[in-house]
Amino acid sequence: MGNDDDIPVAMPVPYTPYAATATTASVPTAPTAPTAPTAPVTSVPYHPGMQTQKSSFFVATTHQSSNTNFSQYQQDQLRDQGYTAGLSRELLLFTKAFPLRFWVVDNSGSMSHTDGNRLVNTKNQSNIKMVPCTRWKEIQGTVDYHAQMAALLQAPTTFRLLNNPGAHVGKQEFSIGTNGPEMIQQELQAAKYIMERSSPTGVTPLAKHVSEIREEIHALAPTLFEQ
C-alpha cells in the first residue's frame, strides 16, 4: 500500500430526489417506518443538550455484534415493510460490511422550495399517494424513516445537517446506534426533536462536510482495516 492518502474510503451518502413525475404509486404495504425494539431499552425524555455525543472511534472499536443473523423481531419488522428474505440478507451483509454510515442532510435555504414530494397513506392499504410538499418536508420524512431503520438494525449511523440549526433546536450532528443498544431510544427521540424543529436556512457547504467525514474515516482506517 502507498501512503495514507491511498487508503480507500467507503462512504455511502443517500440522496433523495427533489421531484418526481408520478403522482400515485401502488405498493404492497404502506411505507410506515419500521419500529425499533423497545425492550430492554428504557425511553428517556429528550431535551436539547442532555446527551453528550461520543466520538466515532468509540463506534469503530466497540460496536462488534456477535450476531450473524437478524433476530426474529427484526425479520418480522422487515417483512412487514415488504422486504423479502433476500433483501433482508443483503441488509445484514451491509451492516457488517460498513461499520459506520454517514448522511449529509441539506437544510439550506433552498430546501424551502415547494418542488418536493412525500408519500401518504390512503384508505386503501394497498395503495399510497404521492403529494407535493417542500424539499425540507420530504427530507424530514426520509431522515425519520432511515433513523428508525438504523435503530432497528442497530447499525451506527450519523446524520450531519449542512447548517447549524441553532442552540434552541439541538446539535448539528446526531447519531443512531453509536452509544450501544441501550441508548437507541434516546437517540431516536433526539433525532426526531432536532428534525421536527429545524427549518431551512443558510448556504450549502457540502464540500466542507464531505471533507470532514473523509478525515474522520481516514483517522479510523487502521481500526477499520483490522475489522
Protein backbone atom coordinates (compact mmCIF):
# COMPACT_ATOMS: atom_id res chain seq x y z
CA MET A 1 0.00 0.00 0.00
CA GLY A 2 1.18 3.53 -0.70
CA ASN A 3 0.95 6.47 1.57
CA ASP A 4 -2.04 7.25 3.82
CA ASP A 5 -3.81 9.20 1.11
CA ASP A 6 -4.21 5.96 -0.86
CA ILE A 7 -6.46 4.41 1.78
CA PRO A 8 -9.86 3.71 0.17
CA VAL A 9 -12.89 5.18 1.92
CA ALA A 10 -16.41 3.79 1.55
CA MET A 11 -18.87 6.47 2.48
CA PRO A 12 -22.43 5.93 1.22
CA VAL A 13 -24.40 9.18 1.36
CA PRO A 14 -28.08 8.56 0.43
CA TYR A 15 -29.74 11.08 -1.84
CA THR A 16 -33.41 11.90 -2.15
CA PRO A 17 -34.59 13.49 -5.43
CA TYR A 18 -36.44 16.74 -5.05
CA ALA A 19 -39.19 16.00 -7.51
CA ALA A 20 -40.92 13.01 -9.02
CA THR A 21 -43.04 12.69 -12.14
CA ALA A 22 -45.58 10.17 -10.91
CA THR A 23 -48.38 11.28 -8.62
CA THR A 24 -49.68 7.90 -7.46
CA ALA A 25 -47.88 4.64 -6.75
CA SER A 26 -49.17 1.17 -5.91
CA VAL A 27 -47.23 -0.91 -3.41
CA PRO A 28 -47.99 -3.98 -1.26
CA THR A 29 -47.86 -2.10 2.05
CA ALA A 30 -47.90 1.49 3.23
CA PRO A 31 -44.42 2.98 3.77
CA THR A 32 -44.55 3.44 7.51
CA ALA A 33 -41.21 3.47 9.28
CA PRO A 34 -40.05 0.28 11.00
CA THR A 35 -40.35 0.09 14.74
CA ALA A 36 -37.14 -0.24 16.70
CA PRO A 37 -37.10 -2.74 19.59
CA THR A 38 -38.08 -1.16 22.89
CA ALA A 39 -37.11 -3.82 25.38
CA PRO A 40 -34.89 -3.83 27.34
CA VAL A 41 -34.25 -0.23 26.29
CA THR A 42 -35.71 2.44 28.56
CA SER A 43 -37.13 5.51 26.90
CA VAL A 44 -35.83 8.73 28.39
CA PRO A 45 -37.44 12.11 27.55
CA TYR A 46 -35.13 14.26 25.50
CA HIS A 47 -34.35 17.92 25.76
CA PRO A 48 -31.60 19.86 23.97
CA GLY A 49 -28.16 19.38 25.40
CA MET A 50 -28.95 16.40 27.60
CA GLN A 51 -26.78 13.96 25.63
CA THR A 52 -23.06 14.20 25.00
CA GLN A 53 -22.04 12.76 21.63
CA LYS A 54 -19.22 10.23 21.86
CA SER A 55 -16.58 10.05 19.19
CA SER A 56 -16.86 7.74 16.19
CA PHE A 57 -13.74 5.98 17.47
CA PHE A 58 -15.99 4.52 20.17
CA VAL A 59 -18.24 3.13 17.45
CA ALA A 60 -15.48 1.63 15.35
CA THR A 61 -13.79 -0.13 18.24
CA THR A 62 -16.71 -1.29 20.37
CA HIS A 63 -19.68 -1.94 18.08
CA GLN A 64 -18.90 -5.60 17.44
CA SER A 65 -22.12 -7.59 17.22
CA SER A 66 -21.81 -11.29 17.93
CA ASN A 67 -24.99 -11.98 15.96
CA THR A 68 -24.61 -13.26 12.42
CA ASN A 69 -28.34 -13.15 11.72
CA PHE A 70 -31.19 -10.80 12.40
CA SER A 71 -33.41 -11.61 15.35
CA GLN A 72 -36.94 -12.84 14.73
CA TYR A 73 -38.23 -9.42 15.74
CA GLN A 74 -36.03 -7.69 13.18
CA GLN A 75 -37.05 -10.17 10.49
CA ASP A 76 -40.74 -9.62 11.27
CA GLN A 77 -40.36 -5.85 11.09
CA LEU A 78 -38.56 -6.03 7.76
CA ARG A 79 -41.14 -8.43 6.37
CA ASP A 80 -43.94 -6.08 7.44
CA GLN A 81 -42.15 -3.38 5.45
CA GLY A 82 -42.25 -5.55 2.35
CA TYR A 83 -38.63 -6.71 2.43
CA THR A 84 -38.10 -10.18 1.00
CA ALA A 85 -35.84 -12.71 2.70
CA GLY A 86 -33.16 -11.95 0.10
CA LEU A 87 -33.31 -8.20 0.68
CA SER A 88 -33.16 -8.76 4.43
CA ARG A 89 -29.99 -10.82 3.99
CA GLU A 90 -28.48 -8.00 1.93
CA LEU A 91 -29.27 -5.53 4.70
CA LEU A 92 -27.50 -7.80 7.17
CA LEU A 93 -24.45 -8.01 4.91
CA PHE A 94 -24.48 -4.23 4.52
CA THR A 95 -24.47 -3.65 8.27
CA LYS A 96 -21.48 -5.99 8.60
CA ALA A 97 -19.55 -4.58 5.63
CA PHE A 98 -19.93 -0.92 6.71
CA PRO A 99 -19.44 -0.40 10.46
CA LEU A 100 -20.33 3.30 10.02
CA ARG A 101 -22.85 5.16 7.89
CA PHE A 102 -22.99 8.92 7.25
CA TRP A 103 -25.82 11.09 5.99
CA VAL A 104 -25.29 14.70 4.96
CA VAL A 105 -28.68 16.37 5.31
CA ASP A 106 -29.32 19.51 3.29
CA ASN A 107 -31.05 22.11 5.48
CA SER A 108 -30.01 25.11 3.39
CA GLY A 109 -32.44 27.84 2.40
CA SER A 110 -33.22 26.21 -0.96
CA MET A 111 -34.95 23.35 0.86
CA SER A 112 -37.96 25.61 1.39
CA HIS A 113 -38.81 25.30 -2.32
CA THR A 114 -42.09 23.51 -2.94
CA ASP A 115 -40.93 21.00 -5.55
CA GLY A 116 -40.61 18.05 -3.16
CA ASN A 117 -42.90 15.05 -2.78
CA ARG A 118 -43.86 12.78 0.08
CA LEU A 119 -45.79 9.53 0.37
CA VAL A 120 -49.01 9.37 2.37
CA ASN A 121 -51.39 6.56 3.22
CA THR A 122 -54.77 6.20 1.57
CA LYS A 123 -57.92 4.42 2.72
CA ASN A 124 -56.87 1.52 0.52
CA GLN A 125 -53.99 -0.07 2.42
CA SER A 126 -52.53 -1.49 -0.80
CA ASN A 127 -52.02 1.99 -2.24
CA ILE A 128 -50.13 5.10 -1.28
CA LYS A 129 -50.28 8.55 -2.78
CA MET A 130 -47.51 10.98 -3.60
CA VAL A 131 -48.35 14.55 -2.68
CA PRO A 132 -46.35 17.76 -3.28
CA CYS A 133 -44.53 19.41 -0.40
CA THR A 134 -41.38 21.39 0.31
CA ARG A 135 -37.99 19.79 -0.16
CA TRP A 136 -37.48 20.07 3.59
CA LYS A 137 -40.72 18.22 4.39
CA GLU A 138 -39.59 15.45 2.07
CA ILE A 139 -36.17 15.09 3.70
CA GLN A 140 -37.72 15.19 7.17
CA GLY A 141 -39.72 12.08 6.33
CA THR A 142 -36.68 10.43 4.75
CA VAL A 143 -34.45 11.01 7.77
CA ASP A 144 -37.18 9.82 10.14
CA TYR A 145 -37.57 6.54 8.23
CA HIS A 146 -33.87 5.82 7.97
CA ALA A 147 -33.19 6.79 11.59
CA GLN A 148 -35.75 4.21 12.66
CA MET A 149 -34.28 1.68 10.24
CA ALA A 150 -30.81 2.28 11.69
CA ALA A 151 -32.26 1.73 15.16
CA LEU A 152 -33.98 -1.48 14.12
CA LEU A 153 -30.79 -2.87 12.55
CA GLN A 154 -28.62 -1.42 15.33
CA ALA A 155 -26.46 -0.02 12.54
CA PRO A 156 -24.41 3.00 13.73
CA THR A 157 -25.46 5.95 11.58
CA THR A 158 -24.55 9.63 11.82
CA PHE A 159 -26.65 12.46 10.38
CA ARG A 160 -24.98 15.83 9.75
CA LEU A 161 -27.01 18.94 8.94
CA LEU A 162 -25.29 21.24 6.46
CA ASN A 163 -26.04 24.25 8.67
CA ASN A 164 -26.21 24.62 12.44
CA PRO A 165 -29.92 24.51 13.41
CA GLY A 166 -29.31 26.74 16.43
CA ALA A 167 -28.79 26.10 20.13
CA HIS A 168 -32.56 26.24 20.76
CA VAL A 169 -33.04 23.27 18.40
CA GLY A 170 -30.15 20.93 19.13
CA LYS A 171 -26.94 19.60 17.69
CA GLN A 172 -25.87 19.89 14.08
CA GLU A 173 -24.74 16.25 14.13
CA PHE A 174 -26.71 13.42 15.72
CA SER A 175 -26.37 9.66 15.59
CA ILE A 176 -28.30 6.44 15.99
CA GLY A 177 -26.69 3.33 17.46
CA THR A 178 -23.32 4.87 18.25
CA ASN A 179 -23.52 4.52 22.02
CA GLY A 180 -24.79 0.96 22.34
CA PRO A 181 -28.29 -0.59 22.13
CA GLU A 182 -29.37 0.82 25.49
CA MET A 183 -29.18 4.38 24.14
CA ILE A 184 -31.06 3.83 20.87
CA GLN A 185 -34.48 5.05 22.04
CA GLN A 186 -32.99 8.24 23.48
CA GLU A 187 -31.05 8.81 20.25
CA LEU A 188 -34.23 8.37 18.22
CA GLN A 189 -36.01 10.94 20.36
CA ALA A 190 -33.14 13.38 19.90
CA ALA A 191 -33.15 12.88 16.11
CA LYS A 192 -36.91 13.41 15.92
CA TYR A 193 -36.72 16.51 18.11
CA ILE A 194 -33.99 18.11 16.01
CA MET A 195 -35.54 17.32 12.62
CA GLU A 196 -39.02 18.50 13.65
CA ARG A 197 -37.76 21.83 15.00
CA SER A 198 -35.15 22.61 12.36
CA SER A 199 -36.01 24.81 9.41
CA PRO A 200 -34.20 25.52 6.12
CA THR A 201 -31.66 28.29 6.32
CA GLY A 202 -28.19 29.24 5.17
CA VAL A 203 -25.97 28.12 2.31
CA THR A 204 -24.78 24.71 1.06
CA PRO A 205 -21.29 23.91 2.43
CA LEU A 206 -21.38 20.34 1.11
CA ALA A 207 -17.68 20.03 0.26
CA LYS A 208 -16.72 21.04 3.81
CA HIS A 209 -18.78 18.23 5.34
CA VAL A 210 -17.61 15.59 2.89
CA SER A 211 -14.00 16.57 3.61
CA GLU A 212 -14.55 16.40 7.38
CA ILE A 213 -16.18 12.97 7.10
CA ARG A 214 -13.28 11.75 4.99
CA GLU A 215 -10.78 12.93 7.57
CA GLU A 216 -12.75 11.23 10.32
CA ILE A 217 -12.79 7.91 8.44
CA HIS A 218 -9.14 8.31 7.46
CA ALA A 219 -8.21 8.59 11.15
CA LEU A 220 -10.14 5.38 11.85
CA ALA A 221 -8.67 3.48 8.88
CA PRO A 222 -6.27 1.25 10.87
CA THR A 223 -9.07 0.07 13.16
CA LEU A 224 -11.49 -0.40 10.27
CA PHE A 225 -8.98 -2.50 8.35
CA GLU A 226 -8.48 -4.71 11.41
CA GLN A 227 -12.20 -5.43 11.45
